[in-house]
Amino acid sequence: MADFENIFQKGSRTFYNSTFFFPTKIREQITRLYAFVRRADDYVDSIPQDSNEFYNFKNKFIQARDEFQKKLVLESDNSEDSLIIKSFVSLEVELDFDKKWADAFLKSMEMDLTKKTYLNLEETKEYIYGSANVIGLFMAKIMNLPASAYESAQNLGLAFQYINFIRDIVEDIDLQRNYFPQDLMKKYGLNTLEFTEINKKTENFQFFVKEVIDQYLEWQKEAEKGFKYIPKKYLVAIKTASDMYKWTALKIASNPLVVYKRKIKPSKLRILSTALANYLKL
């Protein structure tokens, strides 16, 4: 768990600090989930991308899942990747995750190796389903929420990921990726998100960002309708993460060009003070 915790801490400030408000058992399960998705994501987000290690990771996962299902003794490979995979596979069985969720996640990670642009919102949402919607589904299952909460859980993942695309524009340019729908960019006369072009079309970019954030807020609003399904003992952590993504979105909305200067993230103090305020309200 110490190694998994380290992966979690390095990978996500908002989620890592928000999860301290979960009960210990739930937080440990989330940490095991996060270690799995973060490791796969790191391989496809490295510069240069490490496609060989990603496929090794994917193949080890398929093998471990098959061995676990057949109740075979798992191979004695104690590399960090194998330990992460075995931990996730046992969690998948323990909590009865739909196997299609992990498959969809790995499919989206594989898309990061091969697909660089998305023609329309439907294509973008197809990618987001595997990279973020399913994370909402995993979380819903970990918290033992009813199936009626699943749509809201997916919308929360969808909303969070859309803001990540805005926040991480510079990183994605370095990886030669653009997740935003091409038809939306053309609507605002943008051929690329490279700063050399955006600097000449700042007003266009501002209107583009406004539409993206309006879409995010719509999905976020739908997602928050599902908070009624979340027990109060879990809601502080979820609401805090939601509040911090909204803070990030509004910070970017106030000055869209800031994403080219620095990565907008709430401080640890802001996260914890927001969590405390939510705790007192709830």
C-alpha atoms as a PDB file:
ATOM      1  CA  MET A   1       0.000   0.000   0.000  1.00  0.00           C
ATOM      2  CA  ALA A   2       2.892   2.394   0.668  1.00  0.00           C
ATOM      3  CA  ASP A   3       4.018   2.136  -2.973  1.00  0.00           C
ATOM      4  CA  PHE A   4       0.456   2.577  -4.218  1.00  0.00           C
ATOM      5  CA  GLU A   5       0.036   5.566  -1.929  1.00  0.00           C
ATOM      6  CA  ASN A   6       3.138   7.143  -3.421  1.00  0.00           C
ATOM      7  CA  ILE A   7       1.798   6.697  -6.955  1.00  0.00           C
ATOM      8  CA  PHE A   8      -1.494   8.270  -5.870  1.00  0.00           C
ATOM      9  CA  GLN A   9       0.178  11.236  -4.181  1.00  0.00           C
ATOM     10  CA  LYS A  10       2.396  12.000  -7.178  1.00  0.00           C
ATOM     11  CA  GLY A  11      -0.426  11.608  -9.681  1.00  0.00           C
ATOM     12  CA  SER A  12      -3.287  13.687  -8.306  1.00  0.00           C
ATOM     13  CA  ARG A  13      -3.305  16.518  -5.793  1.00  0.00           C
ATOM     14  CA  THR A  14      -7.093  17.040  -5.779  1.00  0.00           C
ATOM     15  CA  PHE A  15      -8.171  13.402  -5.540  1.00  0.00           C
ATOM     16  CA  TYR A  16      -5.356  12.399  -3.221  1.00  0.00           C
ATOM     17  CA  ASN A  17      -6.151  15.048  -0.629  1.00  0.00           C
ATOM     18  CA  SER A  18      -9.927  14.699  -1.028  1.00  0.00           C
ATOM     19  CA  THR A  19      -9.820  10.968  -0.319  1.00  0.00           C
ATOM     20  CA  PHE A  20      -8.531  11.512   3.222  1.00  0.00           C
ATOM     21  CA  PHE A  21     -12.169  12.150   4.085  1.00  0.00           C
ATOM     22  CA  PHE A  22     -13.167   8.593   3.158  1.00  0.00           C
ATOM     23  CA  PRO A  23     -13.159   5.782   5.729  1.00  0.00           C
ATOM     24  CA  THR A  24      -9.838   3.912   5.729  1.00  0.00           C
ATOM     25  CA  LYS A  25     -11.086   0.787   3.935  1.00  0.00           C
ATOM     26  CA  ILE A  26     -12.715   2.785   1.134  1.00  0.00           C
ATOM     27  CA  ARG A  27      -9.632   4.958   0.739  1.00  0.00           C
ATOM     28  CA  GLU A  28      -7.418   1.873   0.435  1.00  0.00           C
ATOM     29  CA  GLN A  29      -9.648   0.480  -2.313  1.00  0.00           C
ATOM     30  CA  ILE A  30      -9.536   3.792  -4.172  1.00  0.00           C
ATOM     31  CA  THR A  31      -5.740   3.826  -3.831  1.00  0.00           C
ATOM     32  CA  ARG A  32      -5.521   0.345  -5.389  1.00  0.00           C
ATOM     33  CA  LEU A  33      -7.756   1.491  -8.254  1.00  0.00           C
ATOM     34  CA  TYR A  34      -5.776   4.683  -8.765  1.00  0.00           C
ATOM     35  CA  ALA A  35      -2.425   2.885  -8.852  1.00  0.00           C
ATOM     36  CA  PHE A  36      -3.715   0.687 -11.686  1.00  0.00           C
ATOM     37  CA  VAL A  37      -5.133   3.467 -13.862  1.00  0.00           C
ATOM     38  CA  ARG A  38      -2.236   5.844 -13.155  1.00  0.00           C
ATOM     39  CA  ARG A  39       0.416   3.316 -14.150  1.00  0.00           C
ATOM     40  CA  ALA A  40      -1.228   2.592 -17.509  1.00  0.00           C
ATOM     41  CA  ASP A  41      -1.775   6.304 -18.083  1.00  0.00           C
ATOM     42  CA  ASP A  42       1.861   7.104 -17.282  1.00  0.00           C
ATOM     43  CA  TYR A  43       3.087   4.776 -20.019  1.00  0.00           C
ATOM     44  CA  VAL A  44       1.014   6.463 -22.730  1.00  0.00           C
ATOM     45  CA  ASP A  45       1.679   9.981 -21.388  1.00  0.00           C
ATOM     46  CA  SER A  46       5.467   9.663 -21.179  1.00  0.00           C
ATOM     47  CA  ILE A  47       7.639  11.526 -23.673  1.00  0.00           C
ATOM     48  CA  PRO A  48       8.435   9.586 -25.747  1.00  0.00           C
ATOM     49  CA  GLN A  49       5.441   7.328 -25.247  1.00  0.00           C
ATOM     50  CA  ASP A  50       6.369   3.910 -23.902  1.00  0.00           C
ATOM     51  CA  SER A  51       4.090   1.737 -26.016  1.00  0.00           C
ATOM     52  CA  ASN A  52       6.053  -1.458 -25.302  1.00  0.00           C
ATOM     53  CA  GLU A  53       5.643  -1.085 -21.546  1.00  0.00           C
ATOM     54  CA  PHE A  54       1.956  -0.224 -21.967  1.00  0.00           C
ATOM     55  CA  TYR A  55       1.326  -3.401 -23.964  1.00  0.00           C
ATOM     56  CA  ASN A  56       3.362  -5.431 -21.468  1.00  0.00           C
ATOM     57  CA  PHE A  57       1.168  -3.978 -18.719  1.00  0.00           C
ATOM     58  CA  LYS A  58      -2.016  -4.739 -20.668  1.00  0.00           C
ATOM     59  CA  ASN A  59      -0.926  -8.318 -21.404  1.00  0.00           C
ATOM     60  CA  LYS A  60       0.030  -8.928 -17.765  1.00  0.00           C
ATOM     61  CA  PHE A  61      -3.403  -7.688 -16.756  1.00  0.00           C
ATOM     62  CA  ILE A  62      -5.180 -10.026 -19.191  1.00  0.00           C
ATOM     63  CA  GLN A  63      -3.073 -12.950 -17.946  1.00  0.00           C
ATOM     64  CA  ALA A  64      -3.583 -12.132 -14.256  1.00  0.00           C
ATOM     65  CA  ARG A  65      -7.329 -11.761 -14.711  1.00  0.00           C
ATOM     66  CA  ASP A  66      -7.495 -15.110 -16.510  1.00  0.00           C
ATOM     67  CA  GLU A  67      -5.425 -16.857 -13.827  1.00  0.00           C
ATOM     68  CA  PHE A  68      -7.475 -15.318 -11.031  1.00  0.00           C
ATOM     69  CA  GLN A  69     -10.725 -16.373 -12.713  1.00  0.00           C
ATOM     70  CA  LYS A  70      -9.454 -19.940 -13.050  1.00  0.00           C
ATOM     71  CA  LYS A  71      -8.284 -19.862  -9.421  1.00  0.00           C
ATOM     72  CA  LEU A  72      -4.731 -20.593 -10.477  1.00  0.00           C
ATOM     73  CA  VAL A  73      -1.744 -19.525  -8.420  1.00  0.00           C
ATOM     74  CA  LEU A  74      -0.632 -16.208  -9.833  1.00  0.00           C
ATOM     75  CA  GLU A  75       2.890 -16.140 -11.248  1.00  0.00           C
ATOM     76  CA  SER A  76       5.583 -15.136  -8.762  1.00  0.00           C
ATOM     77  CA  ASP A  77       6.508 -11.938 -10.604  1.00  0.00           C
ATOM     78  CA  ASN A  78       6.849  -9.348  -7.857  1.00  0.00           C
ATOM     79  CA  SER A  79       7.635  -6.347 -10.034  1.00  0.00           C
ATOM     80  CA  GLU A  80       5.739  -3.210  -9.109  1.00  0.00           C
ATOM     81  CA  ASP A  81       3.560  -3.478 -12.232  1.00  0.00           C
ATOM     82  CA  SER A  82       2.578  -7.044 -11.370  1.00  0.00           C
ATOM     83  CA  LEU A  83       1.741  -6.113  -7.784  1.00  0.00           C
ATOM     84  CA  ILE A  84      -0.421  -3.227  -9.022  1.00  0.00           C
ATOM     85  CA  ILE A  85      -2.191  -5.505 -11.490  1.00  0.00           C
ATOM     86  CA  LYS A  86      -2.773  -8.333  -8.999  1.00  0.00           C
ATOM     87  CA  SER A  87      -4.145  -5.874  -6.477  1.00  0.00           C
ATOM     88  CA  PHE A  88      -6.569  -4.428  -9.028  1.00  0.00           C
ATOM     89  CA  VAL A  89      -7.683  -7.849 -10.320  1.00  0.00           C
ATOM     90  CA  SER A  90      -8.463  -9.002  -6.783  1.00  0.00           C
ATOM     91  CA  LEU A  91     -10.385  -5.740  -6.228  1.00  0.00           C
ATOM     92  CA  GLU A  92     -12.278  -6.289  -9.486  1.00  0.00           C
ATOM     93  CA  VAL A  93     -13.408  -9.711  -8.265  1.00  0.00           C
ATOM     94  CA  GLU A  94     -13.990  -8.650  -4.654  1.00  0.00           C
ATOM     95  CA  LEU A  95     -16.291  -5.749  -5.600  1.00  0.00           C
ATOM     96  CA  ASP A  96     -17.752  -7.361  -8.729  1.00  0.00           C
ATOM     97  CA  PHE A  97     -16.673  -4.658 -11.160  1.00  0.00           C
ATOM     98  CA  ASP A  98     -18.103  -5.091 -14.631  1.00  0.00           C
ATOM     99  CA  LYS A  99     -15.096  -6.355 -16.629  1.00  0.00           C
ATOM    100  CA  LYS A 100     -16.101  -4.140 -19.524  1.00  0.00           C
ATOM    101  CA  TRP A 101     -15.071  -1.113 -17.451  1.00  0.00           C
ATOM    102  CA  ALA A 102     -11.385  -2.019 -17.231  1.00  0.00           C
ATOM    103  CA  ASP A 103     -11.445  -3.124 -20.873  1.00  0.00           C
ATOM    104  CA  ALA A 104     -12.863   0.271 -21.889  1.00  0.00           C
ATOM    105  CA  PHE A 105     -10.218   2.034 -19.828  1.00  0.00           C
ATOM    106  CA  LEU A 106      -7.375   0.176 -21.512  1.00  0.00           C
ATOM    107  CA  LYS A 107      -8.963   0.791 -24.929  1.00  0.00           C
ATOM    108  CA  SER A 108      -8.887   4.547 -24.311  1.00  0.00           C
ATOM    109  CA  MET A 109      -5.295   4.353 -23.110  1.00  0.00           C
ATOM    110  CA  GLU A 110      -4.442   2.499 -26.311  1.00  0.00           C
ATOM    111  CA  MET A 111      -6.181   5.260 -28.306  1.00  0.00           C
ATOM    112  CA  ASP A 112      -3.640   7.659 -26.792  1.00  0.00           C
ATOM    113  CA  LEU A 113      -0.935   5.758 -28.649  1.00  0.00           C
ATOM    114  CA  THR A 114      -2.634   5.916 -32.038  1.00  0.00           C
ATOM    115  CA  LYS A 115      -5.270   8.658 -32.219  1.00  0.00           C
ATOM    116  CA  LYS A 116      -4.273  12.329 -32.194  1.00  0.00           C
ATOM    117  CA  THR A 117      -7.451  14.196 -33.159  1.00  0.00           C
ATOM    118  CA  TYR A 118     -11.218  13.844 -32.665  1.00  0.00           C
ATOM    119  CA  LEU A 119     -13.657  14.980 -35.320  1.00  0.00           C
ATOM    120  CA  ASN A 120     -16.689  15.699 -33.160  1.00  0.00           C
ATOM    121  CA  LEU A 121     -18.029  15.546 -29.617  1.00  0.00           C
ATOM    122  CA  GLU A 122     -19.193  11.956 -30.026  1.00  0.00           C
ATOM    123  CA  GLU A 123     -15.643  10.833 -30.808  1.00  0.00           C
ATOM    124  CA  THR A 124     -14.309  12.805 -27.848  1.00  0.00           C
ATOM    125  CA  LYS A 125     -16.947  11.291 -25.557  1.00  0.00           C
ATOM    126  CA  GLU A 126     -16.038   7.799 -26.781  1.00  0.00           C
ATOM    127  CA  TYR A 127     -12.491   8.393 -25.558  1.00  0.00           C
ATOM    128  CA  ILE A 128     -13.691   9.969 -22.305  1.00  0.00           C
ATOM    129  CA  TYR A 129     -15.960   7.010 -21.573  1.00  0.00           C
ATOM    130  CA  GLY A 130     -12.956   4.738 -21.131  1.00  0.00           C
ATOM    131  CA  SER A 131     -10.642   7.290 -19.576  1.00  0.00           C
ATOM    132  CA  ALA A 132     -13.088   8.890 -17.121  1.00  0.00           C
ATOM    133  CA  ASN A 133     -16.714   7.688 -17.178  1.00  0.00           C
ATOM    134  CA  VAL A 134     -15.635   4.247 -16.047  1.00  0.00           C
ATOM    135  CA  ILE A 135     -13.664   5.779 -13.170  1.00  0.00           C
ATOM    136  CA  GLY A 136     -16.972   7.190 -11.961  1.00  0.00           C
ATOM    137  CA  LEU A 137     -18.475   3.713 -12.272  1.00  0.00           C
ATOM    138  CA  PHE A 138     -15.605   2.147 -10.313  1.00  0.00           C
ATOM    139  CA  MET A 139     -16.081   4.757  -7.599  1.00  0.00           C
ATOM    140  CA  ALA A 140     -19.833   4.160  -7.470  1.00  0.00           C
ATOM    141  CA  LYS A 141     -19.206   0.451  -7.003  1.00  0.00           C
ATOM    142  CA  ILE A 142     -16.569   1.043  -4.309  1.00  0.00           C
ATOM    143  CA  MET A 143     -19.080   3.188  -2.400  1.00  0.00           C
ATOM    144  CA  ASN A 144     -21.780   0.551  -3.015  1.00  0.00           C
ATOM    145  CA  LEU A 145     -24.132   3.059  -4.623  1.00  0.00           C
ATOM    146  CA  PRO A 146     -27.356   1.893  -6.327  1.00  0.00           C
ATOM    147  CA  ALA A 147     -27.396   1.430 -10.092  1.00  0.00           C
ATOM    148  CA  SER A 148     -29.615   4.531 -10.312  1.00  0.00           C
ATOM    149  CA  ALA A 149     -26.510   6.561  -9.369  1.00  0.00           C
ATOM    150  CA  TYR A 150     -24.390   5.258 -12.238  1.00  0.00           C
ATOM    151  CA  GLU A 151     -25.419   7.858 -14.824  1.00  0.00           C
ATOM    152  CA  SER A 152     -24.497  10.683 -12.451  1.00  0.00           C
ATOM    153  CA  ALA A 153     -21.202   8.958 -11.628  1.00  0.00           C
ATOM    154  CA  GLN A 154     -20.372   8.809 -15.331  1.00  0.00           C
ATOM    155  CA  ASN A 155     -21.290  12.461 -15.815  1.00  0.00           C
ATOM    156  CA  LEU A 156     -18.928  13.465 -13.025  1.00  0.00           C
ATOM    157  CA  GLY A 157     -16.048  11.621 -14.692  1.00  0.00           C
ATOM    158  CA  LEU A 158     -17.019  13.136 -18.050  1.00  0.00           C
ATOM    159  CA  ALA A 159     -17.085  16.666 -16.611  1.00  0.00           C
ATOM    160  CA  PHE A 160     -13.774  16.292 -14.783  1.00  0.00           C
ATOM    161  CA  GLN A 161     -12.011  14.996 -17.873  1.00  0.00           C
ATOM    162  CA  TYR A 162     -13.264  17.839 -20.072  1.00  0.00           C
ATOM    163  CA  ILE A 163     -11.732  20.369 -17.686  1.00  0.00           C
ATOM    164  CA  ASN A 164      -8.519  18.335 -17.621  1.00  0.00           C
ATOM    165  CA  PHE A 165      -8.311  18.795 -21.396  1.00  0.00           C
ATOM    166  CA  ILE A 166      -8.373  22.583 -20.972  1.00  0.00           C
ATOM    167  CA  ARG A 167      -5.977  22.538 -18.014  1.00  0.00           C
ATOM    168  CA  ASP A 168      -3.498  20.233 -19.767  1.00  0.00           C
ATOM    169  CA  ILE A 169      -3.427  21.872 -23.222  1.00  0.00           C
ATOM    170  CA  VAL A 170       0.355  22.418 -23.171  1.00  0.00           C
ATOM    171  CA  GLU A 171       1.109  18.831 -22.097  1.00  0.00           C
ATOM    172  CA  ASP A 172      -1.170  17.439 -24.805  1.00  0.00           C
ATOM    173  CA  ILE A 173       0.456  19.636 -27.451  1.00  0.00           C
ATOM    174  CA  ASP A 174       3.818  18.138 -26.421  1.00  0.00           C
ATOM    175  CA  LEU A 175       2.261  14.711 -27.003  1.00  0.00           C
ATOM    176  CA  GLN A 176       0.802  15.931 -30.333  1.00  0.00           C
ATOM    177  CA  ARG A 177      -2.732  15.288 -29.105  1.00  0.00           C
ATOM    178  CA  ASN A 178      -5.901  17.341 -29.276  1.00  0.00           C
ATOM    179  CA  TYR A 179      -8.981  15.873 -27.623  1.00  0.00           C
ATOM    180  CA  PHE A 180     -11.305  18.762 -28.472  1.00  0.00           C
ATOM    181  CA  PRO A 181     -13.799  18.207 -31.298  1.00  0.00           C
ATOM    182  CA  GLN A 182     -12.398  19.523 -34.558  1.00  0.00           C
ATOM    183  CA  ASP A 183     -15.791  20.849 -35.606  1.00  0.00           C
ATOM    184  CA  LEU A 184     -15.932  22.942 -32.408  1.00  0.00           C
ATOM    185  CA  MET A 185     -12.499  24.398 -33.108  1.00  0.00           C
ATOM    186  CA  LYS A 186     -13.466  25.251 -36.690  1.00  0.00           C
ATOM    187  CA  LYS A 187     -16.539  27.039 -35.336  1.00  0.00           C
ATOM    188  CA  TYR A 188     -14.152  29.519 -33.711  1.00  0.00           C
ATOM    189  CA  GLY A 189     -11.635  29.605 -36.561  1.00  0.00           C
ATOM    190  CA  LEU A 190      -8.986  27.596 -34.718  1.00  0.00           C
ATOM    191  CA  ASN A 191      -6.843  25.175 -36.708  1.00  0.00           C
ATOM    192  CA  THR A 192      -4.574  24.293 -33.800  1.00  0.00           C
ATOM    193  CA  LEU A 193      -4.190  25.044 -30.096  1.00  0.00           C
ATOM    194  CA  GLU A 194      -0.504  25.899 -30.480  1.00  0.00           C
ATOM    195  CA  PHE A 195       0.209  29.179 -28.702  1.00  0.00           C
ATOM    196  CA  THR A 196       1.654  30.730 -31.875  1.00  0.00           C
ATOM    197  CA  GLU A 197      -1.849  30.619 -33.405  1.00  0.00           C
ATOM    198  CA  ILE A 198      -3.823  31.263 -30.218  1.00  0.00           C
ATOM    199  CA  ASN A 199      -1.754  34.385 -29.518  1.00  0.00           C
ATOM    200  CA  LYS A 200      -3.072  35.809 -32.818  1.00  0.00           C
ATOM    201  CA  LYS A 201      -6.669  34.729 -32.114  1.00  0.00           C
ATOM    202  CA  THR A 202      -7.086  35.404 -28.401  1.00  0.00           C
ATOM    203  CA  GLU A 203     -10.727  36.448 -28.699  1.00  0.00           C
ATOM    204  CA  ASN A 204     -11.602  33.331 -30.690  1.00  0.00           C
ATOM    205  CA  PHE A 205      -9.863  31.217 -28.055  1.00  0.00           C
ATOM    206  CA  GLN A 206     -11.749  32.930 -25.254  1.00  0.00           C
ATOM    207  CA  PHE A 207     -15.095  32.162 -26.895  1.00  0.00           C
ATOM    208  CA  PHE A 208     -13.934  28.588 -27.538  1.00  0.00           C
ATOM    209  CA  VAL A 209     -12.991  28.111 -23.875  1.00  0.00           C
ATOM    210  CA  LYS A 210     -16.306  29.630 -22.778  1.00  0.00           C
ATOM    211  CA  GLU A 211     -18.241  27.026 -24.780  1.00  0.00           C
ATOM    212  CA  VAL A 212     -16.083  24.214 -23.412  1.00  0.00           C
ATOM    213  CA  ILE A 213     -16.605  25.384 -19.826  1.00  0.00           C
ATOM    214  CA  ASP A 214     -20.350  25.886 -20.382  1.00  0.00           C
ATOM    215  CA  GLN A 215     -20.489  22.261 -21.546  1.00  0.00           C
ATOM    216  CA  TYR A 216     -18.491  21.187 -18.507  1.00  0.00           C
ATOM    217  CA  LEU A 217     -20.870  23.060 -16.168  1.00  0.00           C
ATOM    218  CA  GLU A 218     -23.860  21.370 -17.809  1.00  0.00           C
ATOM    219  CA  TRP A 219     -22.376  17.918 -17.239  1.00  0.00           C
ATOM    220  CA  GLN A 220     -21.290  18.877 -13.738  1.00  0.00           C
ATOM    221  CA  LYS A 221     -24.810  20.046 -12.858  1.00  0.00           C
ATOM    222  CA  GLU A 222     -26.258  16.741 -14.055  1.00  0.00           C
ATOM    223  CA  ALA A 223     -23.618  14.831 -12.101  1.00  0.00           C
ATOM    224  CA  GLU A 224     -24.358  16.659  -8.858  1.00  0.00           C
ATOM    225  CA  LYS A 225     -27.980  15.537  -9.011  1.00  0.00           C
ATOM    226  CA  GLY A 226     -26.575  12.131  -8.098  1.00  0.00           C
ATOM    227  CA  PHE A 227     -25.117  13.363  -4.811  1.00  0.00           C
ATOM    228  CA  LYS A 228     -28.433  12.400  -3.191  1.00  0.00           C
ATOM    229  CA  TYR A 229     -27.400   8.758  -3.619  1.00  0.00           C
ATOM    230  CA  ILE A 230     -24.091   9.172  -1.769  1.00  0.00           C
ATOM    231  CA  PRO A 231     -24.024   8.513   1.993  1.00  0.00           C
ATOM    232  CA  LYS A 232     -22.837  11.507   4.006  1.00  0.00           C
ATOM    233  CA  LYS A 233     -19.778   9.580   5.206  1.00  0.00           C
ATOM    234  CA  TYR A 234     -18.569   9.556   1.581  1.00  0.00           C
ATOM    235  CA  LEU A 235     -20.057  12.809   0.300  1.00  0.00           C
ATOM    236  CA  VAL A 236     -17.463  15.172   1.823  1.00  0.00           C
ATOM    237  CA  ALA A 237     -14.699  13.660  -0.335  1.00  0.00           C
ATOM    238  CA  ILE A 238     -16.778  13.587  -3.531  1.00  0.00           C
ATOM    239  CA  LYS A 239     -18.192  17.082  -3.118  1.00  0.00           C
ATOM    240  CA  THR A 240     -14.751  18.483  -2.323  1.00  0.00           C
ATOM    241  CA  ALA A 241     -13.296  17.027  -5.529  1.00  0.00           C
ATOM    242  CA  SER A 242     -16.282  18.392  -7.446  1.00  0.00           C
ATOM    243  CA  ASP A 243     -15.871  21.842  -5.894  1.00  0.00           C
ATOM    244  CA  MET A 244     -12.172  21.899  -6.752  1.00  0.00           C
ATOM    245  CA  TYR A 245     -12.796  21.055 -10.401  1.00  0.00           C
ATOM    246  CA  LYS A 246     -15.378  23.820 -10.525  1.00  0.00           C
ATOM    247  CA  TRP A 247     -12.827  26.183  -8.962  1.00  0.00           C
ATOM    248  CA  THR A 248     -10.319  25.181 -11.654  1.00  0.00           C
ATOM    249  CA  ALA A 249     -12.874  25.735 -14.425  1.00  0.00           C
ATOM    250  CA  LEU A 250     -13.852  29.184 -13.181  1.00  0.00           C
ATOM    251  CA  LYS A 251     -10.201  30.159 -12.686  1.00  0.00           C
ATOM    252  CA  ILE A 252      -9.486  29.291 -16.310  1.00  0.00           C
ATOM    253  CA  ALA A 253     -12.681  30.987 -17.497  1.00  0.00           C
ATOM    254  CA  SER A 254     -11.543  34.261 -15.929  1.00  0.00           C
ATOM    255  CA  ASN A 255      -8.324  34.219 -17.977  1.00  0.00           C
ATOM    256  CA  PRO A 256      -8.212  31.428 -20.601  1.00  0.00           C
ATOM    257  CA  LEU A 257      -4.663  32.196 -21.731  1.00  0.00           C
ATOM    258  CA  VAL A 258      -3.359  31.280 -18.282  1.00  0.00           C
ATOM    259  CA  VAL A 259      -3.279  27.607 -19.345  1.00  0.00           C
ATOM    260  CA  TYR A 260      -0.270  28.448 -21.524  1.00  0.00           C
ATOM    261  CA  LYS A 261       1.608  29.891 -18.549  1.00  0.00           C
ATOM    262  CA  ARG A 262       0.996  27.359 -15.799  1.00  0.00           C
ATOM    263  CA  LYS A 263      -1.058  24.333 -14.828  1.00  0.00           C
ATOM    264  CA  ILE A 264      -4.068  25.481 -12.807  1.00  0.00           C
ATOM    265  CA  LYS A 265      -4.515  23.340  -9.704  1.00  0.00           C
ATOM    266  CA  PRO A 266      -5.955  24.156  -6.273  1.00  0.00           C
ATOM    267  CA  SER A 267      -3.456  24.240  -3.426  1.00  0.00           C
ATOM    268  CA  LYS A 268      -3.490  21.582  -0.738  1.00  0.00           C
ATOM    269  CA  LEU A 269      -4.673  24.243   1.718  1.00  0.00           C
ATOM    270  CA  ARG A 270      -7.618  25.156  -0.527  1.00  0.00           C
ATOM    271  CA  ILE A 271      -8.599  21.498  -0.899  1.00  0.00           C
ATOM    272  CA  LEU A 272      -8.459  20.783   2.822  1.00  0.00           C
ATOM    273  CA  SER A 273     -10.248  24.010   3.819  1.00  0.00           C
ATOM    274  CA  THR A 274     -12.997  23.258   1.289  1.00  0.00           C
ATOM    275  CA  ALA A 275     -13.280  19.727   2.648  1.00  0.00           C
ATOM    276  CA  LEU A 276     -13.574  21.061   6.196  1.00  0.00           C
ATOM    277  CA  ALA A 277     -16.296  23.504   5.121  1.00  0.00           C
ATOM    278  CA  ASN A 278     -18.170  20.657   3.388  1.00  0.00           C
ATOM    279  CA  TYR A 279     -17.803  18.492   6.481  1.00  0.00           C
ATOM    280  CA  LEU A 280     -19.334  21.205   8.680  1.00  0.00           C
ATOM    281  CA  LYS A 281     -22.212  21.736   6.203  1.00  0.00           C
ATOM    282  CA  LEU A 282     -22.967  18.024   5.935  1.00  0.00           C
END
